[in-house]
Amino acid sequence: MAKSTPDFSIKVSGIKGLCPAGEVHAKKVIAEKRIPVLSCEGPCIRGEIARLAANIVADEAPYARACYAETFLVPHSSMTAWVKGAEKVVVIDGCFLKCIGRIAENVIDKEKITWIDTNPIHNYKYLDVMLYTDVPEDARNDVARKVADKILEKLRKDQG
């Protein structure tokens, strides 16, 4: 099996319609000038920690959670307009593959992205665990809280 993949693209089927809840949310956070937070959504424990941490970060002003699927796969949506039009975007990846960040940097102006890899924050915990269900919920939440606190600290420092 190859150890790397060159740049590639995929074809995505078109879609009619919009997510009603996503439209309401995006229009609200656009009006509030919130900063979108995108994260890994993978089923592994590292992706789950990134997702949980992103939810915690997004609960703090001036941040709000963005749906990565709607952002990247429904280009006519208000979610996409919000993320692409935001002055800053926070991208939280769960592992070295940096899946969300690799997509985001091709859709969003790179200079707008604050790209965070959660692994160094939690000292590469759970590298040998795949499924998030193999880690007790309390432990997942504890690590995610600590990661979110470090991310918020970094974001505040970056804001000046």
Foldseek 3Di string as FASTA:
>chain_A
DDPDDDDDDDDADADDDDDPVLQVVLVVLVVVLAAEEAEQCDQFLLRLLQVLLSCVLQVDPPHHYADLCCLQPVCVGSSVVSNQVHQAYEYEYRDPVSVSVVSCVVRHPPVRYDYHYLCVQLVNPPVVTTGSVVDDPVVSNVSSVSSSVVVVVVVVVVVD
